[in-house]
């Protein structure tokens, strides 16, 4: 059984200069994934990116665009610190994506 760690997937998914498909194709080459495995990686990357987008939108919605004083900035930065600390410390586990090891690289890669 071959695996891709959740942390490796998450790290790769955070490269927003590449599309989900491009990230998945790089991982497919690195791990020699077949089409079914590649689709599973695409789905995992989409989930990871959705979580990142949700957090980014939440941060942007909390950012005080009309902050006119230092107190407003401090309140936002305190909220941001608490929110990101909670996200970073949450015990998600590192559930790897597992693949059978007897697969061939698809021709499209």
PDB file of N, CA and C in Angstrom:
ATOM      1  N   UNK A   1       0.845  -1.185   0.000  1.00  0.00           N
ATOM      2  CA  UNK A   1       0.000   0.000   0.000  1.00  0.00           C
ATOM      3  C   UNK A   1       0.885   1.241   0.000  1.00  0.00           C
ATOM      4  N   UNK A   2       0.688   2.111  -0.926  1.00  0.00           N
ATOM      5  CA  UNK A   2       1.418   3.366  -1.012  1.00  0.00           C
ATOM      6  C   UNK A   2       0.500   4.480  -0.523  1.00  0.00           C
ATOM      7  N   UNK A   3       1.073   5.507   0.122  1.00  0.00           N
ATOM      8  CA  UNK A   3       0.257   6.595   0.651  1.00  0.00           C
ATOM      9  C   UNK A   3       0.846   7.955   0.305  1.00  0.00           C
ATOM     10  N   UNK A   4      -0.022   8.940   0.281  1.00  0.00           N
ATOM     11  CA  UNK A   4       0.370  10.345   0.214  1.00  0.00           C
ATOM     12  C   UNK A   4      -0.134  10.944   1.525  1.00  0.00           C
ATOM     13  N   UNK A   5       0.747  11.528   2.295  1.00  0.00           N
ATOM     14  CA  UNK A   5       0.318  12.063   3.583  1.00  0.00           C
ATOM     15  C   UNK A   5      -0.626  13.253   3.373  1.00  0.00           C
ATOM     16  N   UNK A   6      -1.516  13.429   4.327  1.00  0.00           N
ATOM     17  CA  UNK A   6      -2.426  14.572   4.280  1.00  0.00           C
ATOM     18  C   UNK A   6      -1.669  15.881   4.288  1.00  0.00           C
ATOM     19  N   UNK A   7      -0.565  15.926   5.049  1.00  0.00           N
ATOM     20  CA  UNK A   7       0.253  17.136   5.103  1.00  0.00           C
ATOM     21  C   UNK A   7       0.879  17.429   3.742  1.00  0.00           C
ATOM     22  N   UNK A   8       1.349  16.381   3.050  1.00  0.00           N
ATOM     23  CA  UNK A   8       1.933  16.575   1.717  1.00  0.00           C
ATOM     24  C   UNK A   8       0.868  17.094   0.747  1.00  0.00           C
ATOM     25  N   UNK A   9      -0.317  16.505   0.799  1.00  0.00           N
ATOM     26  CA  UNK A   9      -1.413  16.983  -0.051  1.00  0.00           C
ATOM     27  C   UNK A   9      -1.751  18.435   0.248  1.00  0.00           C
ATOM     28  N   UNK A  10      -1.867  18.761   1.538  1.00  0.00           N
ATOM     29  CA  UNK A  10      -2.224  20.127   1.936  1.00  0.00           C
ATOM     30  C   UNK A  10      -1.159  21.121   1.495  1.00  0.00           C
ATOM     31  N   UNK A  11       0.099  20.748   1.669  1.00  0.00           N
ATOM     32  CA  UNK A  11       1.189  21.632   1.257  1.00  0.00           C
ATOM     33  C   UNK A  11       1.152  21.864  -0.252  1.00  0.00           C
ATOM     34  N   UNK A  12       0.965  20.809  -1.000  1.00  0.00           N
ATOM     35  CA  UNK A  12       0.889  20.936  -2.462  1.00  0.00           C
ATOM     36  C   UNK A  12      -0.325  21.773  -2.873  1.00  0.00           C
ATOM     37  N   UNK A  13      -1.446  21.577  -2.189  1.00  0.00           N
ATOM     38  CA  UNK A  13      -2.685  22.287  -2.527  1.00  0.00           C
ATOM     39  C   UNK A  13      -2.578  23.791  -2.288  1.00  0.00           C
ATOM     40  N   UNK A  14      -1.676  24.205  -1.386  1.00  0.00           N
ATOM     41  CA  UNK A  14      -1.542  25.626  -1.071  1.00  0.00           C
ATOM     42  C   UNK A  14      -0.746  26.399  -2.117  1.00  0.00           C
ATOM     43  N   UNK A  15      -0.266  25.732  -3.150  1.00  0.00           N
ATOM     44  CA  UNK A  15       0.389  26.429  -4.249  1.00  0.00           C
ATOM     45  C   UNK A  15      -0.700  26.948  -5.183  1.00  0.00           C
ATOM     46  N   UNK A  16      -1.186  28.146  -4.882  1.00  0.00           N
ATOM     47  CA  UNK A  16      -2.310  28.710  -5.631  1.00  0.00           C
ATOM     48  C   UNK A  16      -1.902  29.266  -6.996  1.00  0.00           C
ATOM     49  N   UNK A  17      -0.617  29.179  -7.322  1.00  0.00           N
ATOM     50  CA  UNK A  17      -0.177  29.572  -8.657  1.00  0.00           C
ATOM     51  C   UNK A  17      -0.460  28.472  -9.671  1.00  0.00           C
ATOM     52  N   UNK A  18      -0.773  27.275  -9.168  1.00  0.00           N
ATOM     53  CA  UNK A  18      -1.120  26.150 -10.030  1.00  0.00           C
ATOM     54  C   UNK A  18      -2.590  25.810  -9.852  1.00  0.00           C
ATOM     55  N   UNK A  19      -3.205  25.317 -10.912  1.00  0.00           N
ATOM     56  CA  UNK A  19      -4.590  24.864 -10.811  1.00  0.00           C
ATOM     57  C   UNK A  19      -4.631  23.543 -10.048  1.00  0.00           C
ATOM     58  N   UNK A  20      -5.818  23.167  -9.615  1.00  0.00           N
ATOM     59  CA  UNK A  20      -6.001  21.888  -8.941  1.00  0.00           C
ATOM     60  C   UNK A  20      -5.517  20.749  -9.828  1.00  0.00           C
ATOM     61  N   UNK A  21      -5.830  20.815 -11.101  1.00  0.00           N
ATOM     62  CA  UNK A  21      -5.432  19.779 -12.056  1.00  0.00           C
ATOM     63  C   UNK A  21      -3.909  19.717 -12.158  1.00  0.00           C
ATOM     64  N   UNK A  22      -3.252  20.864 -12.220  1.00  0.00           N
ATOM     65  CA  UNK A  22      -1.796  20.878 -12.325  1.00  0.00           C
ATOM     66  C   UNK A  22      -1.144  20.271 -11.077  1.00  0.00           C
ATOM     67  N   UNK A  23      -1.665  20.619  -9.904  1.00  0.00           N
ATOM     68  CA  UNK A  23      -1.129  20.054  -8.656  1.00  0.00           C
ATOM     69  C   UNK A  23      -1.322  18.542  -8.657  1.00  0.00           C
ATOM     70  N   UNK A  24      -2.520  18.094  -9.035  1.00  0.00           N
ATOM     71  CA  UNK A  24      -2.813  16.661  -9.063  1.00  0.00           C
ATOM     72  C   UNK A  24      -1.921  15.942 -10.070  1.00  0.00           C
ATOM     73  N   UNK A  25      -1.650  16.550 -11.207  1.00  0.00           N
ATOM     74  CA  UNK A  25      -0.784  15.924 -12.209  1.00  0.00           C
ATOM     75  C   UNK A  25       0.647  15.792 -11.694  1.00  0.00           C
ATOM     76  N   UNK A  26       1.133  16.810 -10.978  1.00  0.00           N
ATOM     77  CA  UNK A  26       2.474  16.708 -10.392  1.00  0.00           C
ATOM     78  C   UNK A  26       2.537  15.550  -9.395  1.00  0.00           C
ATOM     79  N   UNK A  27       1.505  15.440  -8.553  1.00  0.00           N
ATOM     80  CA  UNK A  27       1.468  14.350  -7.582  1.00  0.00           C
ATOM     81  C   UNK A  27       1.327  12.992  -8.277  1.00  0.00           C
ATOM     82  N   UNK A  28       0.563  12.965  -9.365  1.00  0.00           N
ATOM     83  CA  UNK A  28       0.392  11.714 -10.114  1.00  0.00           C
ATOM     84  C   UNK A  28       1.716  11.231 -10.688  1.00  0.00           C
ATOM     85  N   UNK A  29       2.517  12.141 -11.165  1.00  0.00           N
ATOM     86  CA  UNK A  29       3.835  11.777 -11.693  1.00  0.00           C
ATOM     87  C   UNK A  29       4.744  11.314 -10.559  1.00  0.00           C
ATOM     88  N   UNK A  30       4.741  12.066  -9.472  1.00  0.00           N
ATOM     89  CA  UNK A  30       5.603  11.743  -8.338  1.00  0.00           C
ATOM     90  C   UNK A  30       5.253  10.386  -7.719  1.00  0.00           C
ATOM     91  N   UNK A  31       3.951  10.092  -7.605  1.00  0.00           N
ATOM     92  CA  UNK A  31       3.511   8.864  -6.948  1.00  0.00           C
ATOM     93  C   UNK A  31       3.058   7.775  -7.916  1.00  0.00           C
ATOM     94  N   UNK A  32       3.172   8.020  -9.221  1.00  0.00           N
ATOM     95  CA  UNK A  32       2.785   7.057 -10.258  1.00  0.00           C
ATOM     96  C   UNK A  32       1.349   6.573 -10.014  1.00  0.00           C
ATOM     97  N   UNK A  33       0.422   7.505 -10.129  1.00  0.00           N
ATOM     98  CA  UNK A  33      -0.991   7.215  -9.876  1.00  0.00           C
ATOM     99  C   UNK A  33      -1.726   6.865 -11.158  1.00  0.00           C
ATOM    100  N   UNK A  34      -2.716   5.976 -11.045  1.00  0.00           N
ATOM    101  CA  UNK A  34      -3.581   5.697 -12.183  1.00  0.00           C
ATOM    102  C   UNK A  34      -4.733   6.714 -12.185  1.00  0.00           C
ATOM    103  N   UNK A  35      -5.601   6.595 -13.155  1.00  0.00           N
ATOM    104  CA  UNK A  35      -6.681   7.576 -13.330  1.00  0.00           C
ATOM    105  C   UNK A  35      -7.594   7.657 -12.100  1.00  0.00           C
ATOM    106  N   UNK A  36      -7.971   6.524 -11.545  1.00  0.00           N
ATOM    107  CA  UNK A  36      -8.851   6.510 -10.372  1.00  0.00           C
ATOM    108  C   UNK A  36      -8.177   7.172  -9.169  1.00  0.00           C
ATOM    109  N   UNK A  37      -6.928   6.879  -8.969  1.00  0.00           N
ATOM    110  CA  UNK A  37      -6.174   7.480  -7.867  1.00  0.00           C
ATOM    111  C   UNK A  37      -5.999   8.975  -8.084  1.00  0.00           C
ATOM    112  N   UNK A  38      -5.727   9.349  -9.324  1.00  0.00           N
ATOM    113  CA  UNK A  38      -5.589  10.758  -9.677  1.00  0.00           C
ATOM    114  C   UNK A  38      -6.877  11.515  -9.359  1.00  0.00           C
ATOM    115  N   UNK A  39      -8.023  10.922  -9.695  1.00  0.00           N
ATOM    116  CA  UNK A  39      -9.304  11.572  -9.395  1.00  0.00           C
ATOM    117  C   UNK A  39      -9.511  11.729  -7.891  1.00  0.00           C
ATOM    118  N   UNK A  40      -9.083  10.754  -7.126  1.00  0.00           N
ATOM    119  CA  UNK A  40      -9.176  10.848  -5.666  1.00  0.00           C
ATOM    120  C   UNK A  40      -8.316  12.002  -5.143  1.00  0.00           C
ATOM    121  N   UNK A  41      -7.126  12.166  -5.700  1.00  0.00           N
ATOM    122  CA  UNK A  41      -6.239  13.267  -5.321  1.00  0.00           C
ATOM    123  C   UNK A  41      -6.878  14.606  -5.688  1.00  0.00           C
ATOM    124  N   UNK A  42      -7.470  14.689  -6.871  1.00  0.00           N
ATOM    125  CA  UNK A  42      -8.155  15.924  -7.285  1.00  0.00           C
ATOM    126  C   UNK A  42      -9.241  16.279  -6.272  1.00  0.00           C
ATOM    127  N   UNK A  43     -10.035  15.305  -5.873  1.00  0.00           N
ATOM    128  CA  UNK A  43     -11.107  15.552  -4.897  1.00  0.00           C
ATOM    129  C   UNK A  43     -10.543  16.014  -3.558  1.00  0.00           C
ATOM    130  N   UNK A  44      -9.467  15.406  -3.108  1.00  0.00           N
ATOM    131  CA  UNK A  44      -8.852  15.802  -1.832  1.00  0.00           C
ATOM    132  C   UNK A  44      -8.314  17.229  -1.916  1.00  0.00           C
ATOM    133  N   UNK A  45      -7.677  17.560  -3.026  1.00  0.00           N
ATOM    134  CA  UNK A  45      -7.144  18.918  -3.199  1.00  0.00           C
ATOM    135  C   UNK A  45      -8.289  19.924  -3.224  1.00  0.00           C
ATOM    136  N   UNK A  46      -9.389  19.580  -3.895  1.00  0.00           N
ATOM    137  CA  UNK A  46     -10.548  20.475  -3.922  1.00  0.00           C
ATOM    138  C   UNK A  46     -11.083  20.724  -2.512  1.00  0.00           C
ATOM    139  N   UNK A  47     -11.137  19.690  -1.682  1.00  0.00           N
ATOM    140  CA  UNK A  47     -11.604  19.842  -0.300  1.00  0.00           C
ATOM    141  C   UNK A  47     -10.666  20.747   0.499  1.00  0.00           C
ATOM    142  N   UNK A  48      -9.367  20.510   0.345  1.00  0.00           N
ATOM    143  CA  UNK A  48      -8.378  21.315   1.065  1.00  0.00           C
ATOM    144  C   UNK A  48      -8.491  22.777   0.654  1.00  0.00           C
ATOM    145  N   UNK A  49      -8.608  23.011  -0.649  1.00  0.00           N
ATOM    146  CA  UNK A  49      -8.698  24.389  -1.135  1.00  0.00           C
ATOM    147  C   UNK A  49     -10.006  25.050  -0.721  1.00  0.00           C
ATOM    148  N   UNK A  50     -11.074  24.284  -0.618  1.00  0.00           N
ATOM    149  CA  UNK A  50     -12.332  24.844  -0.139  1.00  0.00           C
ATOM    150  C   UNK A  50     -12.183  25.307   1.308  1.00  0.00           C
ATOM    151  N   UNK A  51     -11.513  24.508   2.126  1.00  0.00           N
ATOM    152  CA  UNK A  51     -11.254  24.911   3.509  1.00  0.00           C
ATOM    153  C   UNK A  51     -10.413  26.176   3.577  1.00  0.00           C
ATOM    154  N   UNK A  52      -9.379  26.261   2.749  1.00  0.00           N
ATOM    155  CA  UNK A  52      -8.525  27.448   2.718  1.00  0.00           C
ATOM    156  C   UNK A  52      -9.319  28.670   2.260  1.00  0.00           C
ATOM    157  N   UNK A  53     -10.169  28.482   1.260  1.00  0.00           N
ATOM    158  CA  UNK A  53     -10.994  29.586   0.761  1.00  0.00           C
ATOM    159  C   UNK A  53     -11.956  30.061   1.840  1.00  0.00           C
ATOM    160  N   UNK A  54     -12.552  29.130   2.559  1.00  0.00           N
ATOM    161  CA  UNK A  54     -13.485  29.482   3.627  1.00  0.00           C
ATOM    162  C   UNK A  54     -12.790  30.309   4.692  1.00  0.00           C
ATOM    163  N   UNK A  55     -11.596  29.880   5.100  1.00  0.00           N
ATOM    164  CA  UNK A  55     -10.846  30.638   6.101  1.00  0.00           C
ATOM    165  C   UNK A  55     -10.457  32.005   5.562  1.00  0.00           C
ATOM    166  N   UNK A  56     -10.005  32.081   4.317  1.00  0.00           N
ATOM    167  CA  UNK A  56      -9.625  33.365   3.725  1.00  0.00           C
ATOM    168  C   UNK A  56     -10.815  34.320   3.660  1.00  0.00           C
ATOM    169  N   UNK A  57     -11.978  33.812   3.257  1.00  0.00           N
ATOM    170  CA  UNK A  57     -13.171  34.656   3.197  1.00  0.00           C
ATOM    171  C   UNK A  57     -13.588  35.131   4.586  1.00  0.00           C
ATOM    172  N   UNK A  58     -13.449  34.256   5.571  1.00  0.00           N
ATOM    173  CA  UNK A  58     -13.791  34.641   6.949  1.00  0.00           C
ATOM    174  C   UNK A  58     -12.852  35.734   7.443  1.00  0.00           C
ATOM    175  N   UNK A  59     -11.569  35.603   7.166  1.00  0.00           N
ATOM    176  CA  UNK A  59     -10.592  36.630   7.552  1.00  0.00           C
ATOM    177  C   UNK A  59     -10.925  37.946   6.864  1.00  0.00           C
ATOM    178  N   UNK A  60     -11.201  37.880   5.581  1.00  0.00           N
ATOM    179  CA  UNK A  60     -11.525  39.112   4.840  1.00  0.00           C
ATOM    180  C   UNK A  60     -12.796  39.759   5.349  1.00  0.00           C
ATOM    181  N   UNK A  61     -13.773  38.944   5.748  1.00  0.00           N
ATOM    182  CA  UNK A  61     -15.025  39.518   6.252  1.00  0.00           C
ATOM    183  C   UNK A  61     -14.836  40.171   7.621  1.00  0.00           C
ATOM    184  N   UNK A  62     -13.862  39.702   8.382  1.00  0.00           N
ATOM    185  CA  UNK A  62     -13.585  40.274   9.696  1.00  0.00           C
ATOM    186  C   UNK A  62     -12.662  41.486   9.632  1.00  0.00           C
ATOM    187  N   UNK A  63     -11.954  41.640   8.517  1.00  0.00           N
ATOM    188  CA  UNK A  63     -10.998  42.742   8.414  1.00  0.00           C
ATOM    189  C   UNK A  63     -11.743  44.072   8.365  1.00  0.00           C
ATOM    190  N   UNK A  64     -11.421  44.963   9.266  1.00  0.00           N
ATOM    191  CA  UNK A  64     -12.143  46.250   9.323  1.00  0.00           C
ATOM    192  C   UNK A  64     -11.633  47.229   8.265  1.00  0.00           C
ATOM    193  N   UNK A  65     -12.277  47.239   7.117  1.00  0.00           N
ATOM    194  CA  UNK A  65     -11.848  48.131   6.038  1.00  0.00           C
ATOM    195  C   UNK A  65     -11.965  49.595   6.441  1.00  0.00           C
ATOM    196  N   UNK A  66     -12.887  49.864   7.339  1.00  0.00           N
ATOM    197  CA  UNK A  66     -13.063  51.243   7.788  1.00  0.00           C
ATOM    198  C   UNK A  66     -12.377  51.488   9.134  1.00  0.00           C
ATOM    199  N   UNK A  67     -11.397  50.676   9.471  1.00  0.00           N
ATOM    200  CA  UNK A  67     -10.677  50.839  10.740  1.00  0.00           C
ATOM    201  C   UNK A  67      -9.990  52.196  10.743  1.00  0.00           C
ATOM    202  N   UNK A  68     -10.406  53.007  11.671  1.00  0.00           N
ATOM    203  CA  UNK A  68      -9.876  54.367  11.715  1.00  0.00           C
ATOM    204  C   UNK A  68      -8.977  54.606  12.918  1.00  0.00           C
ATOM    205  N   UNK A  69      -8.905  53.598  13.765  1.00  0.00           N
ATOM    206  CA  UNK A  69      -8.063  53.790  14.937  1.00  0.00           C
ATOM    207  C   UNK A  69      -7.321  52.510  15.277  1.00  0.00           C
ATOM    208  N   UNK A  70      -6.351  52.660  16.135  1.00  0.00           N
ATOM    209  CA  UNK A  70      -5.508  51.531  16.520  1.00  0.00           C
ATOM    210  C   UNK A  70      -6.299  50.451  17.238  1.00  0.00           C
ATOM    211  N   UNK A  71      -7.324  50.817  17.986  1.00  0.00           N
ATOM    212  CA  UNK A  71      -8.128  49.838  18.718  1.00  0.00           C
ATOM    213  C   UNK A  71      -8.829  48.869  17.758  1.00  0.00           C
ATOM    214  N   UNK A  72      -9.376  49.384  16.635  1.00  0.00           N
ATOM    215  CA  UNK A  72     -10.018  48.504  15.644  1.00  0.00           C
ATOM    216  C   UNK A  72      -9.013  47.498  15.070  1.00  0.00           C
ATOM    217  N   UNK A  73      -7.806  47.974  14.809  1.00  0.00           N
ATOM    218  CA  UNK A  73      -6.764  47.082  14.286  1.00  0.00           C
ATOM    219  C   UNK A  73      -6.379  46.026  15.316  1.00  0.00           C
ATOM    220  N   UNK A  74      -6.274  46.435  16.559  1.00  0.00           N
ATOM    221  CA  UNK A  74      -5.918  45.496  17.633  1.00  0.00           C
ATOM    222  C   UNK A  74      -6.995  44.439  17.801  1.00  0.00           C
ATOM    223  N   UNK A  75      -8.264  44.848  17.758  1.00  0.00           N
ATOM    224  CA  UNK A  75      -9.364  43.887  17.883  1.00  0.00           C
ATOM    225  C   UNK A  75      -9.295  42.870  16.748  1.00  0.00           C
ATOM    226  N   UNK A  76      -9.060  43.336  15.516  1.00  0.00           N
ATOM    227  CA  UNK A  76      -8.957  42.419  14.389  1.00  0.00           C
ATOM    228  C   UNK A  76      -7.762  41.490  14.536  1.00  0.00           C
ATOM    229  N   UNK A  77      -6.608  42.028  14.878  1.00  0.00           N
ATOM    230  CA  UNK A  77      -5.416  41.190  15.008  1.00  0.00           C
ATOM    231  C   UNK A  77      -5.564  40.177  16.134  1.00  0.00           C
ATOM    232  N   UNK A  78      -6.231  40.545  17.214  1.00  0.00           N
ATOM    233  CA  UNK A  78      -6.500  39.581  18.287  1.00  0.00           C
ATOM    234  C   UNK A  78      -7.400  38.456  17.778  1.00  0.00           C
ATOM    235  N   UNK A  79      -8.456  38.824  17.042  1.00  0.00           N
ATOM    236  CA  UNK A  79      -9.354  37.813  16.469  1.00  0.00           C
ATOM    237  C   UNK A  79      -8.581  36.902  15.516  1.00  0.00           C
ATOM    238  N   UNK A  80      -7.753  37.511  14.653  1.00  0.00           N
ATOM    239  CA  UNK A  80      -6.987  36.745  13.678  1.00  0.00           C
ATOM    240  C   UNK A  80      -6.026  35.781  14.374  1.00  0.00           C
ATOM    241  N   UNK A  81      -5.353  36.245  15.396  1.00  0.00           N
ATOM    242  CA  UNK A  81      -4.416  35.399  16.126  1.00  0.00           C
ATOM    243  C   UNK A  81      -5.135  34.221  16.765  1.00  0.00           C
ATOM    244  N   UNK A  82      -6.265  34.463  17.400  1.00  0.00           N
ATOM    245  CA  UNK A  82      -7.023  33.382  18.046  1.00  0.00           C
ATOM    246  C   UNK A  82      -7.544  32.386  17.015  1.00  0.00           C
ATOM    247  N   UNK A  83      -8.071  32.881  15.921  1.00  0.00           N
ATOM    248  CA  UNK A  83      -8.647  32.021  14.885  1.00  0.00           C
ATOM    249  C   UNK A  83      -7.580  31.150  14.224  1.00  0.00           C
ATOM    250  N   UNK A  84      -6.463  31.755  13.844  1.00  0.00           N
ATOM    251  CA  UNK A  84      -5.418  30.984  13.176  1.00  0.00           C
ATOM    252  C   UNK A  84      -4.707  30.041  14.145  1.00  0.00           C
ATOM    253  N   UNK A  85      -4.570  30.444  15.409  1.00  0.00           N
ATOM    254  CA  UNK A  85      -3.970  29.553  16.407  1.00  0.00           C
ATOM    255  C   UNK A  85      -4.852  28.316  16.591  1.00  0.00           C
ATOM    256  N   UNK A  86      -6.166  28.532  16.657  1.00  0.00           N
ATOM    257  CA  UNK A  86      -7.097  27.416  16.797  1.00  0.00           C
ATOM    258  C   UNK A  86      -7.005  26.474  15.598  1.00  0.00           C
ATOM    259  N   UNK A  87      -6.982  27.043  14.401  1.00  0.00           N
ATOM    260  CA  UNK A  87      -6.890  26.218  13.191  1.00  0.00           C
ATOM    261  C   UNK A  87      -5.576  25.440  13.153  1.00  0.00           C
ATOM    262  N   UNK A  88      -4.492  26.082  13.546  1.00  0.00           N
ATOM    263  CA  UNK A  88      -3.180  25.435  13.499  1.00  0.00           C
ATOM    264  C   UNK A  88      -3.009  24.383  14.584  1.00  0.00           C
ATOM    265  N   UNK A  89      -3.721  24.530  15.681  1.00  0.00           N
ATOM    266  CA  UNK A  89      -3.530  23.591  16.782  1.00  0.00           C
ATOM    267  C   UNK A  89      -4.557  22.468  16.804  1.00  0.00           C
ATOM    268  N   UNK A  90      -5.567  22.556  15.972  1.00  0.00           N
ATOM    269  CA  UNK A  90      -6.607  21.537  15.946  1.00  0.00           C
ATOM    270  C   UNK A  90      -5.993  20.205  15.553  1.00  0.00           C
ATOM    271  N   UNK A  91      -6.373  19.167  16.226  1.00  0.00           N
ATOM    272  CA  UNK A  91      -5.819  17.841  15.942  1.00  0.00           C
ATOM    273  C   UNK A  91      -6.601  17.185  14.811  1.00  0.00           C
ATOM    274  N   UNK A  92      -6.180  17.468  13.593  1.00  0.00           N
ATOM    275  CA  UNK A  92      -6.827  16.904  12.427  1.00  0.00           C
ATOM    276  C   UNK A  92      -6.347  15.493  12.163  1.00  0.00           C
ATOM    277  N   UNK A  93      -5.178  15.178  12.658  1.00  0.00           N
ATOM    278  CA  UNK A  93      -4.559  13.914  12.290  1.00  0.00           C
ATOM    279  C   UNK A  93      -3.965  14.066  10.906  1.00  0.00           C
ATOM    280  N   UNK A  94      -3.184  13.129  10.529  1.00  0.00           N
ATOM    281  CA  UNK A  94      -2.615  13.159   9.191  1.00  0.00           C
ATOM    282  C   UNK A  94      -3.066  11.904   8.479  1.00  0.00           C
ATOM    283  N   UNK A  95      -4.341  11.903   8.117  1.00  0.00           N
ATOM    284  CA  UNK A  95      -4.909  10.739   7.450  1.00  0.00           C
ATOM    285  C   UNK A  95      -4.391  10.686   6.017  1.00  0.00           C
ATOM    286  N   UNK A  96      -3.531   9.719   5.727  1.00  0.00           N
ATOM    287  CA  UNK A  96      -2.978   9.633   4.380  1.00  0.00           C
ATOM    288  C   UNK A  96      -4.003   9.111   3.386  1.00  0.00           C
ATOM    289  N   UNK A  97      -3.793   9.455   2.134  1.00  0.00           N
ATOM    290  CA  UNK A  97      -4.574   8.889   1.046  1.00  0.00           C
ATOM    291  C   UNK A  97      -3.805   7.664   0.599  1.00  0.00           C
ATOM    292  N   UNK A  98      -4.448   6.505   0.649  1.00  0.00           N
ATOM    293  CA  UNK A  98      -3.761   5.252   0.356  1.00  0.00           C
ATOM    294  C   UNK A  98      -4.086   4.752  -1.053  1.00  0.00           C
ATOM    295  N   UNK A  99      -3.076   4.138  -1.677  1.00  0.00           N
ATOM    296  CA  UNK A  99      -3.221   3.594  -3.011  1.00  0.00           C
ATOM    297  C   UNK A  99      -2.575   2.220  -3.067  1.00  0.00           C
ATOM    298  N   UNK A 100      -3.145   1.343  -3.869  1.00  0.00           N
ATOM    299  CA  UNK A 100      -2.518   0.055  -4.128  1.00  0.00           C
ATOM    300  C   UNK A 100      -1.206   0.324  -4.846  1.00  0.00           C
ATOM    301  N   UNK A 101      -0.217  -0.495  -4.620  1.00  0.00           N
ATOM    302  CA  UNK A 101       1.115  -0.221  -5.167  1.00  0.00           C
ATOM    303  C   UNK A 101       1.349  -0.804  -6.559  1.00  0.00           C
ATOM    304  N   UNK A 102       0.460  -1.596  -7.099  1.00  0.00           N
ATOM    305  CA  UNK A 102       0.695  -2.221  -8.399  1.00  0.00           C
ATOM    306  C   UNK A 102      -0.060  -1.496  -9.503  1.00  0.00           C
ATOM    307  N   UNK A 103       0.276  -0.224  -9.720  1.00  0.00           N
ATOM    308  CA  UNK A 103      -0.397   0.569 -10.750  1.00  0.00           C
ATOM    309  C   UNK A 103       0.630   1.068 -11.761  1.00  0.00           C
ATOM    310  N   UNK A 104       0.156   1.374 -12.944  1.00  0.00           N
ATOM    311  CA  UNK A 104       0.994   1.928 -13.993  1.00  0.00           C
ATOM    312  C   UNK A 104       0.606   3.383 -14.233  1.00  0.00           C
ATOM    313  N   UNK A 105       1.557   4.164 -14.655  1.00  0.00           N
ATOM    314  CA  UNK A 105       1.327   5.565 -14.975  1.00  0.00           C
ATOM    315  C   UNK A 105       0.447   5.660 -16.216  1.00  0.00           C
ATOM    316  N   UNK A 106      -0.669   6.412 -16.141  1.00  0.00           N
ATOM    317  CA  UNK A 106      -1.517   6.559 -17.321  1.00  0.00           C
ATOM    318  C   UNK A 106      -0.783   7.290 -18.450  1.00  0.00           C
ATOM    319  N   UNK A 107      -1.175   7.043 -19.674  1.00  0.00           N
ATOM    320  CA  UNK A 107      -0.506   7.620 -20.840  1.00  0.00           C
ATOM    321  C   UNK A 107      -0.601   9.144 -20.851  1.00  0.00           C
ATOM    322  N   UNK A 108      -1.652   9.727 -20.294  1.00  0.00           N
ATOM    323  CA  UNK A 108      -1.838  11.174 -20.367  1.00  0.00           C
ATOM    324  C   UNK A 108      -0.855  11.947 -19.504  1.00  0.00           C
ATOM    325  N   UNK A 109      -0.149  11.276 -18.610  1.00  0.00           N
ATOM    326  CA  UNK A 109       0.820  11.970 -17.752  1.00  0.00           C
ATOM    327  C   UNK A 109       2.151  11.866 -18.429  1.00  0.00           C
TER     328      UNK A 109
END
